Amino acid sequence: MTARWVVEEVRPNRNLNITWQPISLLVKNEPPAGSDYEAAAAFTHGLLRVMESVRKADGDDAVEKVYWDFASRIHHDKDRDFDIAAALINIGVDGSHAVAAVEETFEDEVRTRMAAGLALTGDDVGTPIIALDDDNGERVALFGPVITKVPSAEQSLKLWDGFVACAQTPGFWEVKRTRTQGPEFGERP
């Protein structure tokens, strides 16, 4: 939901350039072997490898295209075991990148990029992480915001501006309340 909020409501009104980076729940959470969660996390970890293969060949814009397709399949279609090569071909990306899901070729790249994000926030966070340059040109990042639906256009920009202010404030660490509802994904992008 945070990605959708940033792409649909914030980016067009705040002139953002977005570079999508991986965070692997398989690596981060180390789920118990054989659990359903491990299987799901392993599948999405493979998708991160595929995205790094696409990034190397086609650049960051192609990663966003792949991210949206994969996310829509998982969250809207509830398909957590789709044919990766067919999905890539369907959006005009070379299906041969699918092999990266089961090979180690892009493992170091996924872990290095993930570590760079966690170096900005610390390890006691999850996803999403948003990094930006503060007013002094220093890279800062925060975990969140975790949202369950995309706010109105006006509220989206207020939320973004507040998030940026928090991220740029030395000594700011956390804002949180208990989540009482699940995500409302809306129409499939």
N, C-alpha and C. Protein backbone atom coordinates (compact mmCIF):
# COMPACT_ATOMS: atom_id res chain seq x y z
N MET A 1 0.83 -1.19 0.00
CA MET A 1 0.00 0.00 0.00
C MET A 1 0.87 1.26 0.00
N THR A 2 1.98 1.19 0.70
CA THR A 2 2.88 2.34 0.74
C THR A 2 3.44 2.63 -0.65
N ALA A 3 3.82 1.58 -1.36
CA ALA A 3 4.34 1.77 -2.72
C ALA A 3 3.28 2.41 -3.61
N ARG A 4 2.07 1.94 -3.51
CA ARG A 4 0.99 2.49 -4.34
C ARG A 4 0.75 3.96 -3.99
N TRP A 5 0.76 4.27 -2.70
CA TRP A 5 0.58 5.65 -2.24
C TRP A 5 1.66 6.56 -2.84
N VAL A 6 2.91 6.12 -2.75
CA VAL A 6 4.01 6.95 -3.25
C VAL A 6 3.91 7.12 -4.77
N VAL A 7 3.63 6.04 -5.48
CA VAL A 7 3.59 6.10 -6.95
C VAL A 7 2.38 6.88 -7.45
N GLU A 8 1.21 6.61 -6.90
CA GLU A 8 -0.01 7.20 -7.44
C GLU A 8 -0.28 8.62 -6.95
N GLU A 9 0.02 8.89 -5.71
CA GLU A 9 -0.37 10.19 -5.14
C GLU A 9 0.79 11.14 -4.88
N VAL A 10 1.94 10.60 -4.49
CA VAL A 10 3.04 11.48 -4.10
C VAL A 10 3.95 11.80 -5.27
N ARG A 11 4.42 10.82 -5.97
CA ARG A 11 5.38 11.06 -7.05
C ARG A 11 4.92 12.14 -8.04
N PRO A 12 3.69 12.10 -8.53
CA PRO A 12 3.29 13.12 -9.51
C PRO A 12 3.25 14.54 -8.95
N ASN A 13 3.11 14.66 -7.62
CA ASN A 13 2.97 15.98 -7.00
C ASN A 13 4.21 16.46 -6.26
N ARG A 14 5.18 15.60 -6.12
CA ARG A 14 6.42 15.99 -5.43
C ARG A 14 7.65 15.70 -6.29
N ASN A 15 7.45 15.42 -7.56
CA ASN A 15 8.55 15.24 -8.52
C ASN A 15 9.61 14.27 -8.00
N LEU A 16 9.17 13.09 -7.58
CA LEU A 16 10.09 12.09 -7.04
C LEU A 16 10.69 11.23 -8.14
N ASN A 17 11.94 10.89 -7.96
CA ASN A 17 12.60 9.84 -8.74
C ASN A 17 12.75 8.66 -7.80
N ILE A 18 12.16 7.54 -8.16
CA ILE A 18 12.15 6.37 -7.30
C ILE A 18 13.09 5.30 -7.83
N THR A 19 13.91 4.77 -6.95
CA THR A 19 14.74 3.60 -7.26
C THR A 19 14.30 2.51 -6.30
N TRP A 20 13.70 1.46 -6.84
CA TRP A 20 13.20 0.35 -6.03
C TRP A 20 14.37 -0.52 -5.59
N GLN A 21 14.37 -0.85 -4.30
CA GLN A 21 15.44 -1.67 -3.72
C GLN A 21 14.83 -2.89 -3.05
N PRO A 22 15.56 -3.98 -3.00
CA PRO A 22 15.02 -5.21 -2.41
C PRO A 22 15.12 -5.24 -0.89
N ILE A 23 14.14 -5.87 -0.27
CA ILE A 23 14.25 -6.29 1.12
C ILE A 23 13.63 -7.68 1.16
N SER A 24 14.40 -8.63 1.59
CA SER A 24 13.99 -10.03 1.59
C SER A 24 13.49 -10.44 2.97
N LEU A 25 12.23 -10.84 3.02
CA LEU A 25 11.68 -11.32 4.28
C LEU A 25 12.25 -12.69 4.64
N LEU A 26 12.74 -13.42 3.65
CA LEU A 26 13.42 -14.69 3.91
C LEU A 26 14.70 -14.43 4.69
N VAL A 27 15.48 -13.47 4.25
CA VAL A 27 16.74 -13.13 4.91
C VAL A 27 16.47 -12.42 6.24
N LYS A 28 15.56 -11.47 6.22
CA LYS A 28 15.30 -10.63 7.39
C LYS A 28 14.69 -11.42 8.55
N ASN A 29 13.68 -12.25 8.24
CA ASN A 29 12.92 -12.90 9.29
C ASN A 29 13.35 -14.33 9.60
N GLU A 30 14.16 -14.93 8.72
CA GLU A 30 14.63 -16.30 8.91
C GLU A 30 13.51 -17.22 9.40
N PRO A 31 12.48 -17.43 8.58
CA PRO A 31 11.34 -18.25 9.02
C PRO A 31 11.75 -19.71 9.25
N PRO A 32 10.99 -20.40 10.08
CA PRO A 32 11.30 -21.80 10.37
C PRO A 32 11.29 -22.66 9.10
N ALA A 33 12.27 -23.51 8.99
CA ALA A 33 12.38 -24.40 7.83
C ALA A 33 11.12 -25.25 7.71
N GLY A 34 10.62 -25.34 6.48
CA GLY A 34 9.45 -26.16 6.22
C GLY A 34 8.12 -25.49 6.49
N SER A 35 8.14 -24.28 7.04
CA SER A 35 6.89 -23.60 7.33
C SER A 35 6.29 -23.00 6.06
N ASP A 36 4.99 -22.72 6.10
CA ASP A 36 4.33 -22.07 4.97
C ASP A 36 4.96 -20.69 4.72
N TYR A 37 5.31 -20.01 5.82
CA TYR A 37 5.91 -18.69 5.68
C TYR A 37 7.27 -18.78 4.98
N GLU A 38 8.03 -19.82 5.30
CA GLU A 38 9.32 -19.98 4.62
C GLU A 38 9.12 -20.17 3.12
N ALA A 39 8.16 -20.97 2.74
CA ALA A 39 7.90 -21.21 1.31
C ALA A 39 7.51 -19.91 0.60
N ALA A 40 6.63 -19.13 1.22
CA ALA A 40 6.21 -17.85 0.61
C ALA A 40 7.38 -16.88 0.54
N ALA A 41 8.16 -16.80 1.61
CA ALA A 41 9.31 -15.89 1.64
C ALA A 41 10.39 -16.32 0.64
N ALA A 42 10.55 -17.62 0.47
CA ALA A 42 11.54 -18.12 -0.51
C ALA A 42 11.11 -17.76 -1.93
N PHE A 43 9.82 -17.87 -2.22
CA PHE A 43 9.33 -17.51 -3.55
C PHE A 43 9.58 -16.02 -3.82
N THR A 44 9.21 -15.16 -2.88
CA THR A 44 9.40 -13.72 -3.10
C THR A 44 10.88 -13.35 -3.11
N HIS A 45 11.70 -14.10 -2.37
CA HIS A 45 13.15 -13.86 -2.43
C HIS A 45 13.65 -14.13 -3.85
N GLY A 46 13.16 -15.20 -4.45
CA GLY A 46 13.50 -15.49 -5.84
C GLY A 46 13.06 -14.37 -6.78
N LEU A 47 11.91 -13.78 -6.49
CA LEU A 47 11.44 -12.65 -7.31
C LEU A 47 12.40 -11.46 -7.21
N LEU A 48 12.98 -11.26 -6.03
CA LEU A 48 13.97 -10.18 -5.87
C LEU A 48 15.20 -10.43 -6.73
N ARG A 49 15.62 -11.66 -6.79
CA ARG A 49 16.76 -12.00 -7.67
C ARG A 49 16.42 -11.70 -9.12
N VAL A 50 15.20 -12.05 -9.51
CA VAL A 50 14.75 -11.76 -10.89
C VAL A 50 14.78 -10.26 -11.14
N MET A 51 14.30 -9.48 -10.19
CA MET A 51 14.31 -8.02 -10.37
C MET A 51 15.72 -7.48 -10.51
N GLU A 52 16.68 -8.07 -9.79
CA GLU A 52 18.07 -7.62 -9.94
C GLU A 52 18.63 -8.01 -11.30
N SER A 53 18.22 -9.15 -11.81
CA SER A 53 18.63 -9.54 -13.17
C SER A 53 18.07 -8.54 -14.19
N VAL A 54 16.81 -8.18 -14.01
CA VAL A 54 16.18 -7.19 -14.89
C VAL A 54 16.88 -5.84 -14.76
N ARG A 55 17.20 -5.43 -13.52
CA ARG A 55 17.88 -4.14 -13.31
C ARG A 55 19.20 -4.10 -14.06
N LYS A 56 19.96 -5.19 -13.97
CA LYS A 56 21.26 -5.23 -14.63
C LYS A 56 21.11 -5.09 -16.15
N ALA A 57 20.11 -5.74 -16.70
CA ALA A 57 19.94 -5.72 -18.16
C ALA A 57 19.21 -4.49 -18.67
N ASP A 58 18.19 -4.05 -17.93
CA ASP A 58 17.28 -3.03 -18.47
C ASP A 58 17.14 -1.77 -17.63
N GLY A 59 17.75 -1.70 -16.46
CA GLY A 59 17.72 -0.49 -15.66
C GLY A 59 16.59 -0.43 -14.65
N ASP A 60 16.59 0.66 -13.88
CA ASP A 60 15.65 0.84 -12.78
C ASP A 60 14.20 0.96 -13.22
N ASP A 61 13.94 1.59 -14.36
CA ASP A 61 12.55 1.72 -14.81
C ASP A 61 11.92 0.36 -15.05
N ALA A 62 12.69 -0.57 -15.57
CA ALA A 62 12.18 -1.92 -15.81
C ALA A 62 11.89 -2.63 -14.49
N VAL A 63 12.66 -2.34 -13.45
CA VAL A 63 12.43 -2.95 -12.14
C VAL A 63 11.05 -2.52 -11.63
N GLU A 64 10.70 -1.27 -11.78
CA GLU A 64 9.39 -0.81 -11.32
C GLU A 64 8.27 -1.54 -12.06
N LYS A 65 8.42 -1.69 -13.34
CA LYS A 65 7.42 -2.40 -14.15
C LYS A 65 7.24 -3.83 -13.65
N VAL A 66 8.34 -4.52 -13.38
CA VAL A 66 8.30 -5.89 -12.89
C VAL A 66 7.72 -5.94 -11.48
N TYR A 67 8.14 -5.01 -10.63
CA TYR A 67 7.63 -4.94 -9.25
C TYR A 67 6.11 -4.86 -9.25
N TRP A 68 5.55 -3.96 -10.06
CA TRP A 68 4.09 -3.78 -10.08
C TRP A 68 3.38 -5.02 -10.58
N ASP A 69 3.94 -5.68 -11.56
CA ASP A 69 3.30 -6.89 -12.05
C ASP A 69 3.34 -7.98 -10.99
N PHE A 70 4.50 -8.21 -10.41
CA PHE A 70 4.62 -9.25 -9.39
C PHE A 70 3.71 -8.93 -8.19
N ALA A 71 3.73 -7.69 -7.72
CA ALA A 71 2.92 -7.30 -6.56
C ALA A 71 1.43 -7.46 -6.85
N SER A 72 1.01 -7.12 -8.06
CA SER A 72 -0.41 -7.26 -8.42
C SER A 72 -0.82 -8.73 -8.43
N ARG A 73 0.04 -9.58 -8.94
CA ARG A 73 -0.26 -11.01 -8.95
C ARG A 73 -0.39 -11.55 -7.52
N ILE A 74 0.52 -11.14 -6.65
CA ILE A 74 0.52 -11.64 -5.28
C ILE A 74 -0.65 -11.06 -4.48
N HIS A 75 -0.81 -9.74 -4.50
CA HIS A 75 -1.77 -9.10 -3.61
C HIS A 75 -3.19 -9.01 -4.17
N HIS A 76 -3.33 -8.81 -5.46
CA HIS A 76 -4.67 -8.70 -6.04
C HIS A 76 -5.20 -10.05 -6.52
N ASP A 77 -4.35 -10.80 -7.21
CA ASP A 77 -4.79 -12.07 -7.77
C ASP A 77 -4.64 -13.23 -6.78
N LYS A 78 -3.96 -12.97 -5.66
CA LYS A 78 -3.68 -14.01 -4.65
C LYS A 78 -2.94 -15.20 -5.25
N ASP A 79 -2.11 -14.91 -6.23
CA ASP A 79 -1.32 -15.95 -6.90
C ASP A 79 0.10 -15.88 -6.36
N ARG A 80 0.46 -16.81 -5.54
CA ARG A 80 1.78 -16.83 -4.90
C ARG A 80 2.68 -17.92 -5.45
N ASP A 81 2.32 -18.39 -6.65
CA ASP A 81 3.11 -19.44 -7.28
C ASP A 81 3.01 -19.33 -8.80
N PHE A 82 3.07 -18.11 -9.32
CA PHE A 82 2.87 -17.89 -10.75
C PHE A 82 4.12 -18.25 -11.54
N ASP A 83 3.93 -18.44 -12.83
CA ASP A 83 5.01 -18.73 -13.76
C ASP A 83 5.75 -17.42 -14.02
N ILE A 84 6.95 -17.31 -13.50
CA ILE A 84 7.70 -16.05 -13.55
C ILE A 84 8.05 -15.68 -14.98
N ALA A 85 8.49 -16.64 -15.78
CA ALA A 85 8.86 -16.33 -17.18
C ALA A 85 7.65 -15.82 -17.94
N ALA A 86 6.49 -16.45 -17.76
CA ALA A 86 5.27 -16.02 -18.45
C ALA A 86 4.86 -14.62 -18.00
N ALA A 87 5.02 -14.35 -16.71
CA ALA A 87 4.69 -13.02 -16.19
C ALA A 87 5.58 -11.95 -16.82
N LEU A 88 6.86 -12.24 -16.92
CA LEU A 88 7.80 -11.29 -17.53
C LEU A 88 7.45 -11.05 -18.99
N ILE A 89 7.23 -12.11 -19.72
CA ILE A 89 6.90 -11.99 -21.14
C ILE A 89 5.62 -11.18 -21.32
N ASN A 90 4.65 -11.40 -20.43
CA ASN A 90 3.37 -10.70 -20.49
C ASN A 90 3.52 -9.18 -20.40
N ILE A 91 4.56 -8.71 -19.72
CA ILE A 91 4.77 -7.25 -19.60
C ILE A 91 5.90 -6.75 -20.49
N GLY A 92 6.33 -7.59 -21.42
CA GLY A 92 7.32 -7.17 -22.39
C GLY A 92 8.76 -7.22 -21.92
N VAL A 93 9.03 -8.05 -20.91
CA VAL A 93 10.38 -8.22 -20.38
C VAL A 93 10.85 -9.62 -20.76
N ASP A 94 12.11 -9.75 -21.09
CA ASP A 94 12.70 -11.03 -21.49
C ASP A 94 12.45 -12.09 -20.40
N GLY A 95 11.76 -13.14 -20.77
CA GLY A 95 11.43 -14.21 -19.84
C GLY A 95 12.63 -14.98 -19.31
N SER A 96 13.77 -14.85 -19.97
CA SER A 96 14.95 -15.59 -19.51
C SER A 96 15.45 -15.11 -18.15
N HIS A 97 15.00 -13.93 -17.71
CA HIS A 97 15.38 -13.45 -16.37
C HIS A 97 14.82 -14.35 -15.28
N ALA A 98 13.79 -15.14 -15.59
CA ALA A 98 13.15 -15.99 -14.58
C ALA A 98 14.11 -16.98 -13.95
N VAL A 99 15.11 -17.39 -14.68
CA VAL A 99 16.07 -18.37 -14.14
C VAL A 99 16.79 -17.81 -12.91
N ALA A 100 16.88 -16.51 -12.79
CA ALA A 100 17.56 -15.89 -11.64
C ALA A 100 16.87 -16.25 -10.32
N ALA A 101 15.59 -16.60 -10.38
CA ALA A 101 14.86 -16.94 -9.15
C ALA A 101 15.46 -18.14 -8.44
N VAL A 102 16.02 -19.06 -9.20
CA VAL A 102 16.53 -20.30 -8.60
C VAL A 102 18.05 -20.42 -8.65
N GLU A 103 18.70 -19.41 -9.17
CA GLU A 103 20.16 -19.41 -9.22
C GLU A 103 20.72 -18.43 -8.20
N GLU A 104 21.96 -18.59 -7.86
CA GLU A 104 22.63 -17.73 -6.87
C GLU A 104 23.23 -16.46 -7.49
N THR A 105 23.15 -16.31 -8.80
CA THR A 105 23.85 -15.23 -9.50
C THR A 105 23.61 -13.85 -8.89
N PHE A 106 22.37 -13.54 -8.51
CA PHE A 106 22.06 -12.20 -8.02
C PHE A 106 21.85 -12.16 -6.50
N GLU A 107 22.23 -13.23 -5.82
CA GLU A 107 22.05 -13.29 -4.37
C GLU A 107 22.84 -12.19 -3.66
N ASP A 108 24.10 -12.02 -4.02
CA ASP A 108 24.91 -10.99 -3.38
C ASP A 108 24.34 -9.59 -3.63
N GLU A 109 23.83 -9.36 -4.83
CA GLU A 109 23.26 -8.04 -5.15
C GLU A 109 22.03 -7.76 -4.29
N VAL A 110 21.15 -8.75 -4.14
CA VAL A 110 19.97 -8.58 -3.28
C VAL A 110 20.41 -8.26 -1.86
N ARG A 111 21.34 -9.04 -1.34
CA ARG A 111 21.78 -8.85 0.05
C ARG A 111 22.52 -7.53 0.25
N THR A 112 23.33 -7.12 -0.72
CA THR A 112 24.07 -5.85 -0.62
C THR A 112 23.11 -4.67 -0.63
N ARG A 113 22.16 -4.68 -1.53
CA ARG A 113 21.19 -3.58 -1.61
C ARG A 113 20.31 -3.53 -0.35
N MET A 114 19.92 -4.69 0.12
CA MET A 114 19.12 -4.76 1.34
C MET A 114 19.92 -4.23 2.53
N ALA A 115 21.17 -4.62 2.63
CA ALA A 115 22.02 -4.16 3.73
C ALA A 115 22.20 -2.65 3.70
N ALA A 116 22.26 -2.07 2.51
CA ALA A 116 22.40 -0.61 2.40
C ALA A 116 21.18 0.10 2.99
N GLY A 117 19.99 -0.43 2.75
CA GLY A 117 18.79 0.15 3.34
C GLY A 117 18.76 0.00 4.84
N LEU A 118 19.09 -1.18 5.31
CA LEU A 118 19.09 -1.42 6.76
C LEU A 118 20.19 -0.65 7.47
N ALA A 119 21.27 -0.33 6.77
CA ALA A 119 22.33 0.49 7.37
C ALA A 119 21.81 1.90 7.68
N LEU A 120 20.82 2.34 6.93
CA LEU A 120 20.25 3.67 7.16
C LEU A 120 19.22 3.68 8.29
N THR A 121 18.56 2.55 8.52
CA THR A 121 17.47 2.50 9.50
C THR A 121 17.81 1.73 10.76
N GLY A 122 18.75 0.82 10.66
CA GLY A 122 18.97 -0.15 11.73
C GLY A 122 18.20 -1.41 11.39
N ASP A 123 18.50 -2.48 12.10
CA ASP A 123 17.95 -3.79 11.77
C ASP A 123 16.58 -4.05 12.38
N ASP A 124 16.13 -3.22 13.30
CA ASP A 124 14.88 -3.46 14.02
C ASP A 124 13.68 -2.86 13.27
N VAL A 125 13.65 -3.11 11.95
CA VAL A 125 12.57 -2.60 11.10
C VAL A 125 12.17 -3.69 10.11
N GLY A 126 11.12 -3.40 9.39
CA GLY A 126 10.68 -4.30 8.33
C GLY A 126 10.58 -3.53 7.03
N THR A 127 9.52 -3.79 6.32
CA THR A 127 9.28 -3.12 5.06
C THR A 127 7.93 -2.44 5.12
N PRO A 128 7.81 -1.26 4.60
CA PRO A 128 8.69 -0.56 3.68
C PRO A 128 9.73 0.30 4.39
N ILE A 129 10.79 0.56 3.68
CA ILE A 129 11.80 1.54 4.08
C ILE A 129 11.84 2.58 2.97
N ILE A 130 11.79 3.83 3.35
CA ILE A 130 11.92 4.91 2.37
C ILE A 130 13.16 5.72 2.73
N ALA A 131 14.05 5.85 1.76
CA ALA A 131 15.26 6.65 1.94
C ALA A 131 15.18 7.88 1.05
N LEU A 132 15.74 8.97 1.53
CA LEU A 132 15.77 10.22 0.77
C LEU A 132 16.95 11.05 1.24
N ASP A 133 17.27 12.07 0.47
CA ASP A 133 18.33 12.99 0.86
C ASP A 133 17.72 14.12 1.67
N ASP A 134 18.33 14.42 2.83
CA ASP A 134 17.81 15.52 3.65
C ASP A 134 18.25 16.86 3.07
N ASP A 135 17.92 17.94 3.75
CA ASP A 135 18.23 19.28 3.24
C ASP A 135 19.73 19.54 3.11
N ASN A 136 20.55 18.73 3.78
CA ASN A 136 22.00 18.86 3.70
C ASN A 136 22.62 17.88 2.71
N GLY A 137 21.77 17.14 2.00
CA GLY A 137 22.28 16.17 1.04
C GLY A 137 22.69 14.84 1.65
N GLU A 138 22.41 14.65 2.94
CA GLU A 138 22.72 13.39 3.62
C GLU A 138 21.59 12.41 3.39
N ARG A 139 21.93 11.14 3.18
CA ARG A 139 20.93 10.10 2.98
C ARG A 139 20.35 9.72 4.33
N VAL A 140 19.03 9.77 4.45
CA VAL A 140 18.32 9.38 5.66
C VAL A 140 17.19 8.43 5.26
N ALA A 141 16.74 7.63 6.22
CA ALA A 141 15.66 6.69 5.91
C ALA A 141 14.87 6.39 7.15
N LEU A 142 13.63 5.97 6.93
CA LEU A 142 12.76 5.51 8.00
C LEU A 142 12.00 4.28 7.52
N PHE A 143 11.66 3.44 8.45
CA PHE A 143 10.71 2.37 8.20
C PHE A 143 9.32 3.00 8.12
N GLY A 144 8.54 2.61 7.13
CA GLY A 144 7.17 3.09 7.02
C GLY A 144 7.04 4.15 5.95
N PRO A 145 5.93 4.82 5.93
CA PRO A 145 4.77 4.56 6.77
C PRO A 145 4.03 3.31 6.33
N VAL A 146 3.51 2.59 7.30
CA VAL A 146 2.67 1.42 7.03
C VAL A 146 1.25 1.94 6.98
N ILE A 147 0.62 1.79 5.81
CA ILE A 147 -0.75 2.26 5.65
C ILE A 147 -1.61 1.12 5.13
N THR A 148 -2.89 1.17 5.42
CA THR A 148 -3.78 0.11 4.97
C THR A 148 -4.59 0.51 3.74
N LYS A 149 -4.59 1.79 3.39
CA LYS A 149 -5.23 2.25 2.16
C LYS A 149 -4.57 3.56 1.74
N VAL A 150 -4.68 3.86 0.47
CA VAL A 150 -4.10 5.09 -0.05
C VAL A 150 -5.01 6.25 0.36
N PRO A 151 -4.46 7.23 1.07
CA PRO A 151 -5.27 8.38 1.47
C PRO A 151 -5.68 9.23 0.26
N SER A 152 -6.60 10.15 0.50
CA SER A 152 -6.99 11.10 -0.54
C SER A 152 -5.75 11.85 -1.02
N ALA A 153 -5.86 12.51 -2.15
CA ALA A 153 -4.72 13.25 -2.70
C ALA A 153 -4.18 14.25 -1.69
N GLU A 154 -5.05 15.02 -1.08
CA GLU A 154 -4.62 16.03 -0.11
C GLU A 154 -3.96 15.39 1.11
N GLN A 155 -4.59 14.34 1.66
CA GLN A 155 -4.02 13.66 2.81
C GLN A 155 -2.72 12.96 2.46
N SER A 156 -2.62 12.45 1.24
CA SER A 156 -1.38 11.78 0.81
C SER A 156 -0.21 12.73 0.86
N LEU A 157 -0.40 13.95 0.38
CA LEU A 157 0.70 14.91 0.38
C LEU A 157 1.03 15.39 1.78
N LYS A 158 0.03 15.53 2.63
CA LYS A 158 0.29 15.88 4.03
C LYS A 158 1.10 14.77 4.70
N LEU A 159 0.70 13.52 4.44
CA LEU A 159 1.43 12.39 5.02
C LEU A 159 2.87 12.37 4.51
N TRP A 160 3.07 12.57 3.22
CA TRP A 160 4.42 12.59 2.66
C TRP A 160 5.26 13.70 3.29
N ASP A 161 4.71 14.89 3.34
CA ASP A 161 5.47 16.02 3.90
C ASP A 161 5.81 15.78 5.37
N GLY A 162 4.89 15.17 6.12
CA GLY A 162 5.16 14.83 7.52
C GLY A 162 6.23 13.76 7.63
N PHE A 163 6.16 12.78 6.73
CA PHE A 163 7.17 11.72 6.72
C PHE A 163 8.55 12.30 6.45
N VAL A 164 8.64 13.18 5.46
CA VAL A 164 9.92 13.81 5.13
C VAL A 164 10.43 14.61 6.32
N ALA A 165 9.54 15.35 6.98
CA ALA A 165 9.96 16.13 8.15
C ALA A 165 10.50 15.22 9.25
N CYS A 166 9.83 14.11 9.49
CA CYS A 166 10.31 13.15 10.49
C CYS A 166 11.68 12.60 10.10
N ALA A 167 11.81 12.19 8.84
CA ALA A 167 13.06 11.59 8.38
C ALA A 167 14.23 12.56 8.50
N GLN A 168 13.96 13.85 8.35
CA GLN A 168 15.03 14.86 8.37
C GLN A 168 15.30 15.42 9.77
N THR A 169 14.56 14.97 10.77
CA THR A 169 14.71 15.50 12.12
C THR A 169 15.70 14.66 12.91
N PRO A 170 16.87 15.23 13.25
CA PRO A 170 17.83 14.48 14.07
C PRO A 170 17.18 14.08 15.39
N GLY A 171 17.40 12.85 15.79
CA GLY A 171 16.85 12.36 17.05
C GLY A 171 15.46 11.77 16.94
N PHE A 172 14.81 11.89 15.79
CA PHE A 172 13.49 11.28 15.62
C PHE A 172 13.67 9.79 15.37
N TRP A 173 12.84 8.96 16.05
CA TRP A 173 13.00 7.52 15.90
C TRP A 173 11.73 6.80 15.48
N GLU A 174 10.59 7.09 16.10
CA GLU A 174 9.46 6.21 15.84
C GLU A 174 8.13 6.89 16.14
N VAL A 175 7.13 6.55 15.34
CA VAL A 175 5.73 6.86 15.59
C VAL A 175 4.98 5.57 15.29
N LYS A 176 4.08 5.16 16.17
CA LYS A 176 3.41 3.89 15.93
C LYS A 176 2.09 3.82 16.69
N ARG A 177 1.13 3.09 16.09
CA ARG A 177 -0.07 2.69 16.81
C ARG A 177 -0.44 1.29 16.34
N THR A 178 -1.24 0.61 17.12
CA THR A 178 -1.63 -0.75 16.79
C THR A 178 -2.50 -0.76 15.55
N ARG A 179 -2.17 -1.64 14.63
CA ARG A 179 -2.96 -1.78 13.39
C ARG A 179 -4.22 -2.57 13.70
N THR A 180 -5.35 -2.03 13.28
CA THR A 180 -6.63 -2.67 13.56
C THR A 180 -7.37 -3.10 12.29
N GLN A 181 -6.75 -2.93 11.14
CA GLN A 181 -7.37 -3.36 9.89
C GLN A 181 -6.30 -3.79 8.91
N GLY A 182 -6.68 -4.64 7.98
CA GLY A 182 -5.77 -5.12 6.95
C GLY A 182 -5.76 -4.19 5.76
N PRO A 183 -4.88 -4.47 4.80
CA PRO A 183 -4.77 -3.62 3.61
C PRO A 183 -6.03 -3.64 2.76
N GLU A 184 -6.36 -2.51 2.19
CA GLU A 184 -7.44 -2.36 1.21
C GLU A 184 -6.76 -2.05 -0.12
N PHE A 185 -6.51 -3.08 -0.91
CA PHE A 185 -5.69 -2.94 -2.10
C PHE A 185 -6.37 -2.14 -3.21
N GLY A 186 -7.67 -2.06 -3.23
CA GLY A 186 -8.34 -1.33 -4.30
C GLY A 186 -8.24 -2.06 -5.62
N GLU A 187 -8.50 -1.33 -6.70
CA GLU A 187 -8.44 -1.90 -8.04
C GLU A 187 -7.02 -2.34 -8.38
N ARG A 188 -6.92 -3.37 -9.19
CA ARG A 188 -5.61 -3.85 -9.64
C ARG A 188 -4.97 -2.80 -10.53
N PRO A 189 -3.71 -2.43 -10.23
CA PRO A 189 -3.04 -1.42 -11.09
C PRO A 189 -2.84 -1.91 -12.51
